Amino acid sequence: MLKRDTHQVSHDVIEDLIRCDWGRLMAALIHYFGDFDLAEDALQDAVEEALVRWPVDGLPQRPDAWLLQVARRRALNAIKRVQNFDSKKHEVAARMYSNGVYGHDSPNDSNDEIPDERLCLIFTCCHPAFSLEARVALTLRTVGGLSTAEIARVFIVPESTMAQRLVRAKRKIRMAGIRFEFPPRRRWAARMSGVMHVLYFIYNEGYSTSAGPVPTRSDLCEEAIYLARTLRGLAPDEPEVVGLLALMLFHEARRAARTDEHGDLLTLEDQDRTRWNREVIAEADRILIDALRRRDVGEYQLQAAIAGIHAQSESFEATDWDELVQLYDVLCSIHPSKVFRLNRAVALSFAAGPVDGLAALEDFEADLSGYLPFHAAKGDFLRRLGRHEEAINAYVKAVKLAGNEAERRFFRRRLAGWE
């Protein structure tokens, strides 16, 4: 029984490390070795060794440092096995010594603070040589620690397709000699948009997971917010960076209320607003005001303003839907995204009625046929109009597209009301 308990404790610690520290460990290893595949293989080997040794030897004092030290050694051993080690060994040795890798005989002896190179890793992944999709996928894999299957779900493509895309992206890093480093500030503009997009993508994946048994992943949300704060510190005069942080915080203030005590999803209308974090909402509001004072309004600031109206409304009924529609009009003029137009249709359905909302969906129904929120919105409009058979068809499609169990349960409950 004791051995079984020790094994479970070790397994739980490793799961927590993978969930919370994968990006930090990966970034440190890539910083040391300059090779994405080598870093990932070495870290996976270290995790496998921990699964074998920790239940027997007990947990190390610093599990994260233990994994990093073992991964470093695995990486060095892998380098020594390749034929061109002689040509690489001086470069590798210089990297290792300059970064303080040598000097510990045992992983348990390491008291080193693991450098936090995640933002540098994101800038590397967001090199303008990559497509936006490749930037997001590579960052979710290396920084967010998502599996290839999870990333494939995000992009609605087969796992094999996403695996090939990730391989090509990492090969491009090697072939093009893209360095793991912060670009000079004069080159930030070429990457900043991609970096912000990636950070918000990571937050959204945590806020509403694309796959798995749980509807949210707090670790991804917290990491995205941490990185957004760090980015704001590096670029405090960039209003869109400031707006992005405000947007995340408005959402984060409401995240705990999105589910009930059973883990079931609640609509905005049904959420207990006393559970919303008013301190975080106030912080987000201050940050947004700081961004808007720059008088250079962009899509993240507008999204933050929209989220702020929801967060600061006393009740669902008191929400200023007309103002939300106007903000969406401005947002769509800046960035004519079909997703933004879908969100505008939802706001319009409450400002003018579900008939208007339904009419607004017609222009882009074919383009969003594989997008769950489209069918959720359509089902809701039809339900409110009493067109139950059509609403059922929409919710059936939503169930099929749902990526996590909480979403499936939510739409099945909607269906159960009419069956």
Protein backbone atom coordinates (compact mmCIF):
# COMPACT_ATOMS: atom_id res chain seq x y z
CA MET A 1 0.00 0.00 0.00
CA LEU A 2 2.86 2.36 0.89
CA LYS A 3 4.61 1.68 -2.41
CA ARG A 4 1.42 2.28 -4.31
CA ASP A 5 0.85 5.56 -2.46
CA THR A 6 4.45 6.66 -3.10
CA HIS A 7 4.04 5.85 -6.77
CA GLN A 8 0.81 7.89 -6.92
CA VAL A 9 2.39 10.87 -5.14
CA SER A 10 5.32 10.80 -7.58
CA HIS A 11 2.98 10.55 -10.53
CA ASP A 12 0.89 13.49 -9.28
CA VAL A 13 3.99 15.65 -8.77
CA ILE A 14 5.21 14.86 -12.27
CA GLU A 15 1.80 15.67 -13.75
CA ASP A 16 1.82 19.02 -11.92
CA LEU A 17 5.33 19.77 -13.19
CA ILE A 18 4.39 18.98 -16.77
CA ARG A 19 1.27 21.12 -16.51
CA CYS A 20 2.85 24.10 -14.74
CA ASP A 21 6.57 24.07 -15.59
CA TRP A 22 6.89 22.43 -19.00
CA GLY A 23 7.29 25.75 -20.81
CA ARG A 24 9.86 27.06 -18.35
CA LEU A 25 11.92 23.85 -18.53
CA MET A 26 11.69 23.68 -22.32
CA ALA A 27 12.73 27.31 -22.68
CA ALA A 28 15.74 26.76 -20.40
CA LEU A 29 16.86 23.70 -22.37
CA ILE A 30 16.45 25.43 -25.73
CA HIS A 31 18.42 28.35 -24.30
CA TYR A 32 21.23 25.96 -23.36
CA PHE A 33 21.32 23.83 -26.50
CA GLY A 34 19.66 25.89 -29.22
CA ASP A 35 17.74 22.86 -30.52
CA PHE A 36 13.97 22.38 -30.14
CA ASP A 37 13.87 18.64 -30.87
CA LEU A 38 16.86 17.89 -28.64
CA ALA A 39 15.30 19.84 -25.76
CA GLU A 40 11.92 18.12 -26.09
CA ASP A 41 13.38 14.62 -26.39
CA ALA A 42 15.69 15.20 -23.41
CA LEU A 43 12.89 16.53 -21.22
CA GLN A 44 10.61 13.63 -22.11
CA ASP A 45 13.45 11.21 -21.25
CA ALA A 46 13.90 12.96 -17.91
CA VAL A 47 10.18 12.63 -17.15
CA GLU A 48 10.33 8.90 -17.95
CA GLU A 49 13.33 8.49 -15.64
CA ALA A 50 11.51 10.35 -12.86
CA LEU A 51 8.53 8.00 -13.21
CA VAL A 52 10.88 5.08 -12.55
CA ARG A 53 13.18 6.55 -9.88
CA TRP A 54 11.05 8.82 -7.72
CA PRO A 55 8.72 6.10 -6.40
CA VAL A 56 11.84 4.18 -5.28
CA ASP A 57 14.25 6.96 -4.26
CA GLY A 58 11.66 9.44 -3.01
CA LEU A 59 10.94 12.92 -4.30
CA PRO A 60 13.96 15.24 -4.74
CA GLN A 61 14.00 18.51 -2.85
CA ARG A 62 13.66 20.42 -6.11
CA PRO A 63 11.74 18.24 -8.58
CA ASP A 64 11.92 20.88 -11.33
CA ALA A 65 15.70 21.26 -10.91
CA TRP A 66 16.04 17.46 -10.91
CA LEU A 67 14.23 17.22 -14.24
CA LEU A 68 16.32 20.02 -15.72
CA GLN A 69 19.61 18.46 -14.66
CA VAL A 70 18.70 15.01 -15.95
CA ALA A 71 17.42 16.49 -19.20
CA ARG A 72 20.69 18.40 -19.66
CA ARG A 73 22.65 15.19 -19.26
CA ARG A 74 20.38 13.30 -21.63
CA ALA A 75 20.85 16.06 -24.18
CA LEU A 76 24.63 15.95 -23.82
CA ASN A 77 24.65 12.19 -24.23
CA ALA A 78 22.54 12.52 -27.36
CA ILE A 79 24.95 15.06 -28.79
CA LYS A 80 27.91 12.78 -28.08
CA ARG A 81 26.26 9.98 -30.03
CA VAL A 82 25.96 11.92 -33.26
CA GLN A 83 28.72 11.66 -35.82
CA ASN A 84 29.48 15.36 -35.93
CA PHE A 85 29.99 15.71 -32.18
CA ASP A 86 33.58 16.84 -32.69
CA SER A 87 32.40 19.83 -34.69
CA LYS A 88 29.75 20.68 -32.10
CA LYS A 89 31.41 19.97 -28.80
CA HIS A 90 33.21 23.31 -28.45
CA GLU A 91 30.04 25.26 -29.23
CA VAL A 92 28.02 23.13 -26.81
CA ALA A 93 30.65 23.35 -24.09
CA ALA A 94 30.72 27.14 -24.41
CA ARG A 95 26.94 27.27 -24.12
CA MET A 96 26.90 24.97 -21.12
CA TYR A 97 29.64 26.74 -19.20
CA SER A 98 28.27 30.20 -19.94
CA ASN A 99 24.86 29.14 -18.66
CA GLY A 100 26.12 27.40 -15.56
CA VAL A 101 25.14 23.89 -16.54
CA TYR A 102 28.22 22.15 -15.18
CA GLY A 103 29.07 21.91 -11.53
CA HIS A 104 26.52 19.50 -9.98
CA ASP A 105 27.26 15.83 -9.47
CA SER A 106 23.67 14.98 -8.66
CA PRO A 107 20.37 16.51 -9.67
CA ASN A 108 19.42 16.54 -5.97
CA ASP A 109 22.36 18.86 -5.29
CA SER A 110 21.14 21.57 -7.63
CA ASN A 111 19.90 24.77 -6.03
CA ASP A 112 20.04 26.75 -9.26
CA GLU A 113 17.14 28.98 -10.05
CA ILE A 114 15.81 27.91 -13.40
CA PRO A 115 15.99 30.91 -15.73
CA ASP A 116 12.62 31.96 -17.12
CA GLU A 117 13.19 32.16 -20.85
CA ARG A 118 9.56 31.59 -21.92
CA LEU A 119 9.00 35.02 -23.40
CA CYS A 120 12.24 34.72 -25.35
CA LEU A 121 11.01 31.33 -26.60
CA ILE A 122 7.72 32.89 -27.71
CA PHE A 123 9.57 35.60 -29.66
CA THR A 124 11.60 32.85 -31.32
CA CYS A 125 8.46 30.87 -32.19
CA CYS A 126 6.87 34.05 -33.54
CA HIS A 127 9.59 34.75 -36.09
CA PRO A 128 8.04 36.39 -39.19
CA ALA A 129 9.39 33.53 -41.31
CA PHE A 130 6.55 31.38 -39.92
CA SER A 131 2.89 31.55 -40.79
CA LEU A 132 0.62 32.72 -37.98
CA GLU A 133 -0.73 29.19 -37.58
CA ALA A 134 2.80 27.79 -37.27
CA ARG A 135 3.68 30.43 -34.66
CA VAL A 136 0.68 29.55 -32.52
CA ALA A 137 1.14 25.79 -32.89
CA LEU A 138 4.85 25.88 -32.09
CA THR A 139 4.28 28.06 -29.03
CA LEU A 140 1.43 25.91 -27.73
CA ARG A 141 3.67 22.85 -28.09
CA THR A 142 6.87 24.23 -26.58
CA VAL A 143 5.61 26.81 -24.09
CA GLY A 144 2.10 25.59 -23.30
CA GLY A 145 3.05 21.91 -23.25
CA LEU A 146 -0.02 20.90 -25.26
CA SER A 147 0.13 17.57 -27.05
CA THR A 148 0.07 17.39 -30.82
CA ALA A 149 -3.44 15.93 -30.59
CA GLU A 150 -4.64 18.88 -28.47
CA ILE A 151 -3.16 21.41 -30.89
CA ALA A 152 -4.73 19.57 -33.82
CA ARG A 153 -8.11 19.97 -32.09
CA VAL A 154 -7.52 23.70 -31.73
CA PHE A 155 -6.97 24.04 -35.48
CA ILE A 156 -9.55 21.39 -36.42
CA VAL A 157 -7.06 19.31 -38.44
CA PRO A 158 -5.97 15.65 -38.20
CA GLU A 159 -3.24 14.91 -35.65
CA SER A 160 -0.92 13.63 -38.41
CA THR A 161 -1.29 16.92 -40.28
CA MET A 162 -0.40 18.95 -37.20
CA ALA A 163 2.57 16.68 -36.45
CA GLN A 164 3.95 17.36 -39.93
CA ARG A 165 3.47 21.10 -39.51
CA LEU A 166 5.35 21.10 -36.22
CA VAL A 167 8.19 19.08 -37.73
CA ARG A 168 8.45 21.50 -40.66
CA ALA A 169 8.46 24.51 -38.33
CA LYS A 170 11.27 23.12 -36.18
CA ARG A 171 13.22 22.12 -39.30
CA LYS A 172 12.87 25.67 -40.58
CA ILE A 173 14.35 27.00 -37.34
CA ARG A 174 17.43 24.82 -37.88
CA MET A 175 17.79 25.41 -41.61
CA ALA A 176 17.26 29.18 -41.43
CA GLY A 177 19.54 29.55 -38.42
CA ILE A 178 16.85 31.33 -36.38
CA ARG A 179 18.49 32.16 -33.08
CA PHE A 180 16.96 31.74 -29.64
CA GLU A 181 17.10 35.35 -28.54
CA PHE A 182 15.14 38.55 -28.14
CA PRO A 183 15.26 40.43 -31.44
CA PRO A 184 16.56 44.00 -31.37
CA ARG A 185 13.81 46.42 -30.39
CA ARG A 186 13.75 47.86 -33.93
CA ARG A 187 12.54 44.45 -35.13
CA TRP A 188 9.86 43.95 -32.49
CA ALA A 189 7.09 45.34 -34.66
CA ALA A 190 7.42 42.41 -37.09
CA ARG A 191 6.83 39.93 -34.27
CA MET A 192 4.73 41.79 -31.71
CA SER A 193 1.40 41.07 -33.39
CA GLY A 194 2.20 37.36 -33.53
CA VAL A 195 3.41 37.33 -29.92
CA MET A 196 0.19 38.98 -28.69
CA HIS A 197 -1.92 36.62 -30.79
CA VAL A 198 -0.09 33.63 -29.36
CA LEU A 199 -0.44 34.82 -25.76
CA TYR A 200 -4.17 35.36 -26.19
CA PHE A 201 -4.47 31.99 -27.90
CA ILE A 202 -2.79 30.33 -24.91
CA TYR A 203 -5.13 32.17 -22.54
CA ASN A 204 -8.19 31.12 -24.52
CA GLU A 205 -7.05 27.49 -24.56
CA GLY A 206 -6.90 27.67 -20.76
CA TYR A 207 -10.19 29.56 -20.45
CA SER A 208 -12.04 27.06 -22.64
CA THR A 209 -10.04 23.92 -23.32
CA SER A 210 -10.29 22.37 -26.77
CA ALA A 211 -10.09 18.82 -25.41
CA GLY A 212 -10.13 16.81 -22.19
CA PRO A 213 -12.35 16.20 -19.19
CA VAL A 214 -12.20 19.73 -17.72
CA PRO A 215 -13.56 22.97 -19.21
CA THR A 216 -10.65 25.18 -18.08
CA ARG A 217 -6.92 24.94 -17.43
CA SER A 218 -5.90 27.49 -14.82
CA ASP A 219 -2.19 26.85 -15.44
CA LEU A 220 -2.42 28.06 -19.05
CA CYS A 221 -4.47 31.10 -18.03
CA GLU A 222 -2.00 32.04 -15.31
CA GLU A 223 0.99 31.52 -17.60
CA ALA A 224 -0.53 33.66 -20.35
CA ILE A 225 -1.27 36.46 -17.88
CA TYR A 226 2.23 36.23 -16.42
CA LEU A 227 3.77 36.48 -19.89
CA ALA A 228 1.45 39.36 -20.82
CA ARG A 229 2.55 41.23 -17.69
CA THR A 230 6.16 40.56 -18.62
CA LEU A 231 5.58 41.79 -22.16
CA ARG A 232 3.93 44.93 -20.82
CA GLY A 233 7.00 45.54 -18.68
CA LEU A 234 9.19 45.27 -21.79
CA ALA A 235 6.91 47.43 -23.94
CA PRO A 236 4.94 49.70 -21.58
CA ASP A 237 4.26 52.24 -24.35
CA GLU A 238 2.57 49.73 -26.67
CA PRO A 239 -1.18 50.37 -26.14
CA GLU A 240 -2.22 47.04 -27.68
CA VAL A 241 0.05 45.12 -25.28
CA VAL A 242 -1.59 46.99 -22.40
CA GLY A 243 -5.02 46.29 -23.89
CA LEU A 244 -4.25 42.59 -24.22
CA LEU A 245 -3.42 42.35 -20.51
CA ALA A 246 -6.64 44.17 -19.60
CA LEU A 247 -8.63 41.80 -21.82
CA MET A 248 -7.16 38.71 -20.15
CA LEU A 249 -7.82 40.10 -16.68
CA PHE A 250 -11.46 40.93 -17.42
CA HIS A 251 -11.98 37.33 -18.53
CA GLU A 252 -9.93 35.93 -15.66
CA ALA A 253 -12.08 37.79 -13.11
CA ARG A 254 -15.11 35.81 -14.33
CA ARG A 255 -13.48 32.43 -14.99
CA ALA A 256 -14.27 30.80 -11.63
CA ALA A 257 -17.99 31.48 -12.08
CA ARG A 258 -18.19 29.77 -15.50
CA THR A 259 -18.92 26.40 -13.84
CA ASP A 260 -21.11 25.25 -10.97
CA GLU A 261 -20.12 22.99 -8.06
CA HIS A 262 -20.45 19.94 -10.33
CA GLY A 263 -18.15 21.35 -12.99
CA ASP A 264 -21.00 22.07 -15.41
CA LEU A 265 -20.81 25.13 -17.63
CA LEU A 266 -22.98 28.15 -16.87
CA THR A 267 -24.00 30.78 -19.39
CA LEU A 268 -23.21 34.42 -18.73
CA GLU A 269 -26.88 34.88 -17.86
CA ASP A 270 -26.80 32.14 -15.19
CA GLN A 271 -23.47 32.94 -13.56
CA ASP A 272 -23.34 34.06 -9.94
CA ARG A 273 -21.81 37.51 -10.26
CA THR A 274 -20.89 37.61 -6.59
CA ARG A 275 -18.19 35.07 -7.51
CA TRP A 276 -16.59 37.48 -9.97
CA ASN A 277 -13.32 38.91 -8.69
CA ARG A 278 -13.99 42.62 -8.31
CA GLU A 279 -10.38 43.46 -7.50
CA VAL A 280 -9.19 41.93 -10.76
CA ILE A 281 -11.98 43.73 -12.65
CA ALA A 282 -10.88 47.04 -11.11
CA GLU A 283 -7.25 46.34 -12.07
CA ALA A 284 -8.28 45.49 -15.63
CA ASP A 285 -10.29 48.70 -15.85
CA ARG A 286 -7.31 50.81 -14.71
CA ILE A 287 -5.06 49.09 -17.23
CA LEU A 288 -7.57 49.59 -20.05
CA ILE A 289 -7.95 53.29 -19.25
CA ASP A 290 -4.15 53.58 -19.38
CA ALA A 291 -4.17 52.00 -22.86
CA LEU A 292 -7.05 54.11 -24.21
CA ARG A 293 -5.32 57.32 -23.11
CA ARG A 294 -2.71 56.69 -25.80
CA ARG A 295 -5.43 57.37 -28.42
CA ASP A 296 -4.20 54.55 -30.64
CA VAL A 297 -7.07 52.09 -30.39
CA GLY A 298 -6.62 48.55 -31.70
CA GLU A 299 -8.49 45.27 -31.61
CA TYR A 300 -7.27 44.12 -28.18
CA GLN A 301 -8.30 47.39 -26.54
CA LEU A 302 -11.73 47.14 -28.17
CA GLN A 303 -12.12 43.52 -27.07
CA ALA A 304 -11.12 44.59 -23.57
CA ALA A 305 -13.73 47.35 -23.62
CA ILE A 306 -16.36 44.78 -24.62
CA ALA A 307 -15.26 42.39 -21.88
CA GLY A 308 -15.28 45.31 -19.45
CA ILE A 309 -18.94 46.11 -20.16
CA HIS A 310 -19.87 42.51 -19.33
CA ALA A 311 -17.68 42.45 -16.21
CA GLN A 312 -19.02 45.72 -14.83
CA SER A 313 -22.73 45.14 -15.54
CA GLU A 314 -24.72 44.58 -12.35
CA SER A 315 -26.85 41.93 -14.03
CA PHE A 316 -27.33 40.25 -17.38
CA GLU A 317 -30.46 42.31 -17.97
CA ALA A 318 -28.60 45.54 -17.18
CA THR A 319 -25.95 44.89 -19.86
CA ASP A 320 -25.75 47.72 -22.41
CA TRP A 321 -26.21 45.57 -25.53
CA ASP A 322 -26.56 48.58 -27.83
CA GLU A 323 -23.12 49.82 -26.80
CA LEU A 324 -21.71 46.34 -27.31
CA VAL A 325 -23.07 46.24 -30.86
CA GLN A 326 -21.47 49.63 -31.56
CA LEU A 327 -18.12 48.45 -30.20
CA TYR A 328 -18.33 45.32 -32.35
CA ASP A 329 -19.05 47.53 -35.38
CA VAL A 330 -15.80 49.42 -34.74
CA LEU A 331 -13.92 46.19 -34.05
CA CYS A 332 -15.15 44.57 -37.27
CA SER A 333 -14.15 47.66 -39.26
CA ILE A 334 -10.59 47.31 -37.93
CA HIS A 335 -10.45 43.53 -38.14
CA PRO A 336 -13.27 41.99 -40.22
CA SER A 337 -13.04 38.61 -38.51
CA LYS A 338 -15.96 36.19 -38.91
CA VAL A 339 -15.60 35.32 -35.23
CA PHE A 340 -16.02 38.98 -34.28
CA ARG A 341 -19.05 39.17 -36.57
CA LEU A 342 -20.48 36.11 -34.83
CA ASN A 343 -20.02 37.78 -31.44
CA ARG A 344 -21.66 40.91 -32.84
CA ALA A 345 -24.66 38.78 -33.91
CA VAL A 346 -24.99 37.50 -30.34
CA ALA A 347 -24.95 41.05 -28.95
CA LEU A 348 -27.42 42.11 -31.65
CA SER A 349 -29.78 39.27 -30.67
CA PHE A 350 -30.10 40.81 -27.19
CA ALA A 351 -30.14 44.42 -28.39
CA ALA A 352 -32.71 43.98 -31.18
CA GLY A 353 -33.98 40.41 -30.82
CA PRO A 354 -33.09 36.89 -31.96
CA VAL A 355 -34.60 37.44 -35.43
CA ASP A 356 -31.97 40.08 -36.16
CA GLY A 357 -29.27 37.91 -34.63
CA LEU A 358 -30.27 34.96 -36.80
CA ALA A 359 -30.30 37.11 -39.95
CA ALA A 360 -26.78 38.32 -39.14
CA LEU A 361 -25.52 34.72 -39.13
CA GLU A 362 -26.60 33.99 -42.68
CA ASP A 363 -23.71 35.81 -44.35
CA PHE A 364 -21.02 33.54 -42.94
CA GLU A 365 -22.78 30.29 -42.04
CA ALA A 366 -20.80 28.25 -44.59
CA ASP A 367 -17.47 29.60 -43.33
CA LEU A 368 -18.13 28.68 -39.68
CA SER A 369 -19.83 25.32 -40.19
CA GLY A 370 -17.07 23.60 -38.20
CA TYR A 371 -17.00 26.20 -35.40
CA LEU A 372 -18.85 25.19 -32.21
CA PRO A 373 -19.79 28.73 -31.02
CA PHE A 374 -21.61 29.32 -34.32
CA HIS A 375 -23.95 26.37 -33.76
CA ALA A 376 -24.31 27.28 -30.07
CA ALA A 377 -25.38 30.81 -31.00
CA LYS A 378 -27.71 29.61 -33.74
CA GLY A 379 -29.28 27.08 -31.39
CA ASP A 380 -29.83 29.77 -28.78
CA PHE A 381 -31.45 32.18 -31.27
CA LEU A 382 -33.77 29.42 -32.52
CA ARG A 383 -34.61 28.31 -28.98
CA ARG A 384 -35.59 31.84 -28.01
CA LEU A 385 -37.80 32.02 -31.11
CA GLY A 386 -39.54 28.77 -30.16
CA ARG A 387 -38.24 26.97 -33.27
CA HIS A 388 -37.31 23.92 -31.25
CA GLU A 389 -36.75 21.37 -34.01
CA GLU A 390 -34.25 23.63 -35.76
CA ALA A 391 -32.62 24.45 -32.41
CA ILE A 392 -32.21 20.72 -31.72
CA ASN A 393 -30.39 20.30 -35.04
CA ALA A 394 -28.00 23.12 -34.11
CA TYR A 395 -27.31 21.69 -30.66
CA VAL A 396 -26.71 18.20 -32.11
CA LYS A 397 -23.98 19.73 -34.27
CA ALA A 398 -22.59 21.53 -31.23
CA VAL A 399 -22.36 18.26 -29.27
CA LYS A 400 -20.42 16.68 -32.13
CA LEU A 401 -17.99 19.60 -32.23
CA ALA A 402 -17.53 19.91 -28.45
CA GLY A 403 -13.93 19.29 -27.41
CA ASN A 404 -14.37 18.74 -23.68
CA GLU A 405 -16.87 16.88 -21.53
CA ALA A 406 -18.28 20.01 -19.86
CA GLU A 407 -19.30 21.41 -23.25
CA ARG A 408 -20.88 18.11 -24.29
CA ARG A 409 -22.87 17.94 -21.04
CA PHE A 410 -24.06 21.52 -21.51
CA PHE A 411 -25.50 20.93 -24.98
CA ARG A 412 -26.92 17.55 -24.02
CA ARG A 413 -28.83 19.27 -21.21
CA ARG A 414 -30.24 21.69 -23.76
CA LEU A 415 -31.30 18.76 -25.92
CA ALA A 416 -32.77 16.84 -22.97
CA GLY A 417 -35.20 19.68 -22.35
CA TRP A 418 -37.05 18.85 -25.58
CA GLU A 419 -36.67 15.08 -25.86
